[in-house]
Amino acid sequence: MFQILNFEEIMASDFRFMPSKSGKLDTGEDVVFNRFFEHKVGENYSNLVFTSIIKRDNNWTSEITIQNVLRLDFDIVDKLLTRSNFRDIIVFSDYLGDGFVQTLHRNMIVKVRK
């Protein structure tokens, strides 16, 4: 049905920084892309900060956007799906169907039946 990040593991491990990615745009311009979480103390969300650094005409420019991300974990997802009358809720840690442990796995791949 869907894939989300498991914030129980993210908060427990204090995960913040994702690996940088770089490449070329369709226009041939170089680009570097960074993402990191800014965890809000006392809130139920974190900010996901996106930074794109693009080389245009031999000059580097940057663009920063911020997206609020609701901190979902297995217990919240399970309650929401159960209340919505979904059944046979199965959670995997990856698309290969490997088992999920709330405190160990960052991804939740959720499969359900209505």
N, C-alpha and C. Protein backbone atom coordinates (compact mmCIF):
# COMPACT_ATOMS: atom_id res chain seq x y z
N MET A 1 0.82 -1.18 0.00
CA MET A 1 0.00 0.00 0.00
C MET A 1 0.88 1.26 0.00
N PHE A 2 1.91 1.32 0.90
CA PHE A 2 2.75 2.51 0.94
C PHE A 2 4.07 2.24 1.66
N GLN A 3 4.99 3.19 1.50
CA GLN A 3 6.28 3.15 2.19
C GLN A 3 6.44 4.48 2.91
N ILE A 4 6.85 4.44 4.17
CA ILE A 4 7.15 5.65 4.93
C ILE A 4 8.40 5.41 5.78
N LEU A 5 8.90 6.49 6.33
CA LEU A 5 10.01 6.39 7.26
C LEU A 5 9.47 6.08 8.65
N ASN A 6 10.20 5.27 9.39
CA ASN A 6 9.83 4.88 10.74
C ASN A 6 10.53 5.81 11.73
N PHE A 7 9.79 6.77 12.26
CA PHE A 7 10.40 7.76 13.14
C PHE A 7 10.75 7.21 14.52
N GLU A 8 10.25 6.05 14.90
CA GLU A 8 10.70 5.47 16.17
C GLU A 8 12.19 5.19 16.09
N GLU A 9 12.65 4.59 14.99
CA GLU A 9 14.08 4.31 14.80
C GLU A 9 14.85 5.61 14.56
N ILE A 10 14.30 6.51 13.76
CA ILE A 10 14.99 7.76 13.43
C ILE A 10 15.26 8.58 14.69
N MET A 11 14.28 8.71 15.56
CA MET A 11 14.46 9.50 16.78
C MET A 11 15.38 8.79 17.77
N ALA A 12 15.26 7.48 17.88
CA ALA A 12 16.12 6.73 18.81
C ALA A 12 17.58 6.80 18.40
N SER A 13 17.84 6.78 17.10
CA SER A 13 19.24 6.81 16.62
C SER A 13 19.73 8.23 16.36
N ASP A 14 18.85 9.22 16.54
CA ASP A 14 19.16 10.63 16.26
C ASP A 14 19.65 10.80 14.81
N PHE A 15 19.04 10.05 13.91
CA PHE A 15 19.38 10.15 12.49
C PHE A 15 18.99 11.52 11.96
N ARG A 16 19.91 12.19 11.28
CA ARG A 16 19.62 13.51 10.73
C ARG A 16 20.04 13.67 9.28
N PHE A 17 21.25 13.24 8.93
CA PHE A 17 21.82 13.57 7.63
C PHE A 17 21.75 12.41 6.66
N MET A 18 21.22 12.68 5.48
CA MET A 18 21.16 11.69 4.41
C MET A 18 22.35 11.92 3.48
N PRO A 19 22.79 10.90 2.78
CA PRO A 19 23.95 11.07 1.90
C PRO A 19 23.69 12.12 0.81
N SER A 20 24.71 12.90 0.50
CA SER A 20 24.62 13.86 -0.61
C SER A 20 24.55 13.10 -1.92
N LYS A 21 23.89 13.71 -2.89
CA LYS A 21 23.84 13.14 -4.23
C LYS A 21 24.26 14.23 -5.19
N SER A 22 24.91 13.82 -6.27
CA SER A 22 25.33 14.80 -7.27
C SER A 22 25.13 14.21 -8.65
N GLY A 23 25.08 15.09 -9.63
CA GLY A 23 24.89 14.65 -11.00
C GLY A 23 24.75 15.83 -11.92
N LYS A 24 24.14 15.58 -13.04
CA LYS A 24 23.91 16.62 -14.03
C LYS A 24 22.42 16.71 -14.33
N LEU A 25 21.93 17.92 -14.48
CA LEU A 25 20.55 18.14 -14.88
C LEU A 25 20.42 17.86 -16.38
N ASP A 26 19.19 17.78 -16.87
CA ASP A 26 18.96 17.57 -18.31
C ASP A 26 19.61 18.67 -19.14
N THR A 27 19.79 19.84 -18.54
CA THR A 27 20.41 20.98 -19.24
C THR A 27 21.93 20.90 -19.25
N GLY A 28 22.50 19.90 -18.56
CA GLY A 28 23.94 19.74 -18.50
C GLY A 28 24.60 20.41 -17.31
N GLU A 29 23.81 21.10 -16.51
CA GLU A 29 24.35 21.79 -15.34
C GLU A 29 24.64 20.80 -14.21
N ASP A 30 25.75 21.04 -13.49
CA ASP A 30 26.08 20.22 -12.33
C ASP A 30 25.13 20.57 -11.19
N VAL A 31 24.78 19.56 -10.39
CA VAL A 31 23.90 19.77 -9.25
C VAL A 31 24.35 18.89 -8.09
N VAL A 32 24.26 19.43 -6.89
CA VAL A 32 24.51 18.69 -5.65
C VAL A 32 23.24 18.83 -4.82
N PHE A 33 22.77 17.71 -4.30
CA PHE A 33 21.51 17.68 -3.57
C PHE A 33 21.76 17.14 -2.17
N ASN A 34 21.34 17.89 -1.15
CA ASN A 34 21.49 17.47 0.25
C ASN A 34 20.13 17.49 0.94
N ARG A 35 19.97 16.57 1.90
CA ARG A 35 18.76 16.54 2.73
C ARG A 35 19.16 16.24 4.17
N PHE A 36 18.48 16.89 5.10
CA PHE A 36 18.69 16.55 6.50
C PHE A 36 17.45 16.89 7.30
N PHE A 37 17.30 16.19 8.42
CA PHE A 37 16.19 16.44 9.34
C PHE A 37 16.60 17.45 10.40
N GLU A 38 15.69 18.33 10.71
CA GLU A 38 15.80 19.20 11.87
C GLU A 38 14.66 18.76 12.80
N HIS A 39 15.01 18.00 13.84
CA HIS A 39 13.99 17.46 14.73
C HIS A 39 13.54 18.55 15.71
N LYS A 40 12.25 18.74 15.78
CA LYS A 40 11.66 19.76 16.65
C LYS A 40 11.36 19.16 18.02
N VAL A 41 11.98 19.70 19.05
CA VAL A 41 11.78 19.22 20.41
C VAL A 41 10.36 19.57 20.86
N GLY A 42 9.67 18.58 21.42
CA GLY A 42 8.33 18.80 21.94
C GLY A 42 7.24 18.86 20.87
N GLU A 43 7.58 18.55 19.65
CA GLU A 43 6.60 18.56 18.55
C GLU A 43 6.42 17.15 18.00
N ASN A 44 5.39 16.95 17.18
CA ASN A 44 5.17 15.65 16.57
C ASN A 44 5.60 15.64 15.10
N TYR A 45 6.46 16.57 14.73
CA TYR A 45 6.97 16.63 13.37
C TYR A 45 8.45 17.02 13.38
N SER A 46 9.10 16.77 12.25
CA SER A 46 10.46 17.22 12.02
C SER A 46 10.45 18.02 10.72
N ASN A 47 11.39 18.93 10.58
CA ASN A 47 11.57 19.61 9.30
C ASN A 47 12.54 18.80 8.45
N LEU A 48 12.18 18.60 7.20
CA LEU A 48 13.10 18.00 6.24
C LEU A 48 13.61 19.14 5.37
N VAL A 49 14.91 19.42 5.48
CA VAL A 49 15.51 20.55 4.77
C VAL A 49 16.18 20.02 3.51
N PHE A 50 15.79 20.56 2.37
CA PHE A 50 16.34 20.20 1.06
C PHE A 50 17.23 21.34 0.58
N THR A 51 18.42 21.03 0.14
CA THR A 51 19.31 22.04 -0.44
C THR A 51 19.77 21.55 -1.81
N SER A 52 19.52 22.35 -2.83
CA SER A 52 20.01 22.07 -4.18
C SER A 52 21.05 23.12 -4.53
N ILE A 53 22.22 22.67 -4.90
CA ILE A 53 23.30 23.58 -5.29
C ILE A 53 23.58 23.32 -6.76
N ILE A 54 23.38 24.34 -7.59
CA ILE A 54 23.45 24.17 -9.04
C ILE A 54 24.49 25.12 -9.62
N LYS A 55 25.31 24.59 -10.52
CA LYS A 55 26.32 25.40 -11.20
C LYS A 55 25.75 25.88 -12.53
N ARG A 56 25.53 27.20 -12.61
CA ARG A 56 25.00 27.83 -13.82
C ARG A 56 25.99 28.89 -14.29
N ASP A 57 26.45 28.78 -15.52
CA ASP A 57 27.38 29.76 -16.09
C ASP A 57 28.60 29.97 -15.19
N ASN A 58 29.19 28.87 -14.70
CA ASN A 58 30.38 28.88 -13.84
C ASN A 58 30.16 29.53 -12.48
N ASN A 59 28.92 29.72 -12.08
CA ASN A 59 28.59 30.24 -10.75
C ASN A 59 27.67 29.25 -10.05
N TRP A 60 27.94 29.01 -8.78
CA TRP A 60 27.11 28.12 -7.98
C TRP A 60 26.01 28.91 -7.30
N THR A 61 24.77 28.41 -7.38
CA THR A 61 23.64 29.00 -6.68
C THR A 61 23.00 27.91 -5.83
N SER A 62 22.29 28.31 -4.81
CA SER A 62 21.63 27.31 -3.98
C SER A 62 20.17 27.68 -3.75
N GLU A 63 19.38 26.66 -3.58
CA GLU A 63 17.97 26.80 -3.25
C GLU A 63 17.69 25.91 -2.05
N ILE A 64 17.01 26.46 -1.06
CA ILE A 64 16.68 25.70 0.14
C ILE A 64 15.16 25.69 0.31
N THR A 65 14.61 24.50 0.52
CA THR A 65 13.20 24.37 0.85
C THR A 65 13.07 23.52 2.10
N ILE A 66 12.01 23.76 2.84
CA ILE A 66 11.77 23.04 4.10
C ILE A 66 10.36 22.45 4.05
N GLN A 67 10.26 21.18 4.40
CA GLN A 67 8.98 20.48 4.42
C GLN A 67 8.77 19.90 5.82
N ASN A 68 7.61 20.15 6.42
CA ASN A 68 7.28 19.51 7.69
C ASN A 68 6.93 18.05 7.43
N VAL A 69 7.49 17.15 8.25
CA VAL A 69 7.24 15.72 8.12
C VAL A 69 6.68 15.20 9.43
N LEU A 70 5.49 14.65 9.37
CA LEU A 70 4.85 14.06 10.55
C LEU A 70 5.65 12.85 10.98
N ARG A 71 5.94 12.74 12.25
CA ARG A 71 6.72 11.62 12.78
C ARG A 71 5.84 10.40 12.99
N LEU A 72 5.73 9.59 11.96
CA LEU A 72 4.92 8.38 12.05
C LEU A 72 5.79 7.21 12.50
N ASP A 73 5.18 6.31 13.23
CA ASP A 73 5.84 5.07 13.61
C ASP A 73 4.82 3.94 13.51
N PHE A 74 5.26 2.73 13.79
CA PHE A 74 4.38 1.57 13.62
C PHE A 74 3.08 1.71 14.41
N ASP A 75 3.15 2.12 15.67
CA ASP A 75 1.95 2.19 16.50
C ASP A 75 0.92 3.15 15.91
N ILE A 76 1.37 4.30 15.44
CA ILE A 76 0.45 5.28 14.85
C ILE A 76 -0.16 4.73 13.56
N VAL A 77 0.68 4.16 12.70
CA VAL A 77 0.20 3.60 11.43
C VAL A 77 -0.79 2.47 11.68
N ASP A 78 -0.47 1.59 12.61
CA ASP A 78 -1.36 0.47 12.93
C ASP A 78 -2.71 0.97 13.41
N LYS A 79 -2.74 1.95 14.31
CA LYS A 79 -4.01 2.50 14.81
C LYS A 79 -4.82 3.14 13.69
N LEU A 80 -4.17 3.93 12.84
CA LEU A 80 -4.88 4.60 11.74
C LEU A 80 -5.48 3.59 10.76
N LEU A 81 -4.70 2.58 10.40
CA LEU A 81 -5.20 1.58 9.46
C LEU A 81 -6.31 0.74 10.06
N THR A 82 -6.18 0.36 11.33
CA THR A 82 -7.20 -0.43 12.00
C THR A 82 -8.51 0.36 12.10
N ARG A 83 -8.41 1.63 12.48
CA ARG A 83 -9.61 2.49 12.56
C ARG A 83 -10.27 2.67 11.19
N SER A 84 -9.50 2.56 10.14
CA SER A 84 -10.03 2.72 8.78
C SER A 84 -10.50 1.38 8.19
N ASN A 85 -10.61 0.38 9.06
CA ASN A 85 -11.12 -0.95 8.69
C ASN A 85 -10.21 -1.72 7.73
N PHE A 86 -8.92 -1.44 7.76
CA PHE A 86 -7.99 -2.28 7.02
C PHE A 86 -7.66 -3.47 7.91
N ARG A 87 -7.34 -4.58 7.27
CA ARG A 87 -7.00 -5.78 8.04
C ARG A 87 -5.78 -6.43 7.40
N ASP A 88 -5.29 -7.46 8.02
CA ASP A 88 -4.10 -8.15 7.55
C ASP A 88 -2.96 -7.17 7.30
N ILE A 89 -2.68 -6.36 8.30
CA ILE A 89 -1.63 -5.36 8.20
C ILE A 89 -0.27 -6.05 8.35
N ILE A 90 0.54 -5.97 7.31
CA ILE A 90 1.87 -6.58 7.33
C ILE A 90 2.88 -5.48 7.02
N VAL A 91 3.94 -5.43 7.82
CA VAL A 91 4.97 -4.41 7.63
C VAL A 91 6.30 -5.09 7.34
N PHE A 92 6.98 -4.60 6.31
CA PHE A 92 8.29 -5.10 5.91
C PHE A 92 9.32 -3.98 6.09
N SER A 93 10.58 -4.36 6.15
CA SER A 93 11.65 -3.36 6.27
C SER A 93 12.20 -2.93 4.91
N ASP A 94 11.83 -3.68 3.86
CA ASP A 94 12.31 -3.35 2.51
C ASP A 94 11.37 -3.97 1.48
N TYR A 95 11.65 -3.69 0.21
CA TYR A 95 10.79 -4.19 -0.86
C TYR A 95 11.02 -5.66 -1.18
N LEU A 96 11.99 -6.28 -0.52
CA LEU A 96 12.22 -7.71 -0.70
C LEU A 96 11.35 -8.54 0.24
N GLY A 97 10.65 -7.87 1.15
CA GLY A 97 9.77 -8.57 2.07
C GLY A 97 10.43 -9.01 3.36
N ASP A 98 11.59 -8.41 3.68
CA ASP A 98 12.27 -8.75 4.93
C ASP A 98 11.48 -8.23 6.12
N GLY A 99 11.60 -8.94 7.24
CA GLY A 99 10.87 -8.60 8.46
C GLY A 99 11.17 -7.20 8.97
N PHE A 100 10.24 -6.69 9.76
CA PHE A 100 10.33 -5.34 10.31
C PHE A 100 10.41 -5.38 11.82
N VAL A 101 11.38 -4.66 12.39
CA VAL A 101 11.50 -4.49 13.83
C VAL A 101 11.45 -2.98 14.08
N GLN A 102 10.49 -2.56 14.89
CA GLN A 102 10.23 -1.13 15.11
C GLN A 102 11.46 -0.33 15.50
N THR A 103 12.28 -0.89 16.36
CA THR A 103 13.42 -0.14 16.89
C THR A 103 14.67 -0.24 16.03
N LEU A 104 14.63 -1.08 14.98
CA LEU A 104 15.83 -1.30 14.17
C LEU A 104 15.74 -0.80 12.74
N HIS A 105 14.54 -0.76 12.17
CA HIS A 105 14.43 -0.48 10.75
C HIS A 105 13.87 0.91 10.47
N ARG A 106 14.51 1.60 9.55
CA ARG A 106 14.15 2.98 9.22
C ARG A 106 12.97 3.05 8.26
N ASN A 107 12.82 2.06 7.39
CA ASN A 107 11.72 2.05 6.43
C ASN A 107 10.61 1.13 6.89
N MET A 108 9.38 1.53 6.58
CA MET A 108 8.22 0.67 6.79
C MET A 108 7.52 0.55 5.44
N ILE A 109 7.48 -0.67 4.93
CA ILE A 109 6.72 -0.97 3.73
C ILE A 109 5.46 -1.66 4.22
N VAL A 110 4.30 -1.05 4.00
CA VAL A 110 3.06 -1.53 4.60
C VAL A 110 2.16 -2.14 3.54
N LYS A 111 1.70 -3.36 3.83
CA LYS A 111 0.77 -4.07 2.96
C LYS A 111 -0.48 -4.37 3.79
N VAL A 112 -1.65 -4.09 3.24
CA VAL A 112 -2.91 -4.29 3.95
C VAL A 112 -3.98 -4.83 3.00
N ARG A 113 -5.08 -5.29 3.60
CA ARG A 113 -6.27 -5.65 2.84
C ARG A 113 -7.45 -4.93 3.46
N LYS A 114 -8.40 -4.55 2.66
CA LYS A 114 -9.61 -3.86 3.12
C LYS A 114 -10.67 -4.88 3.41
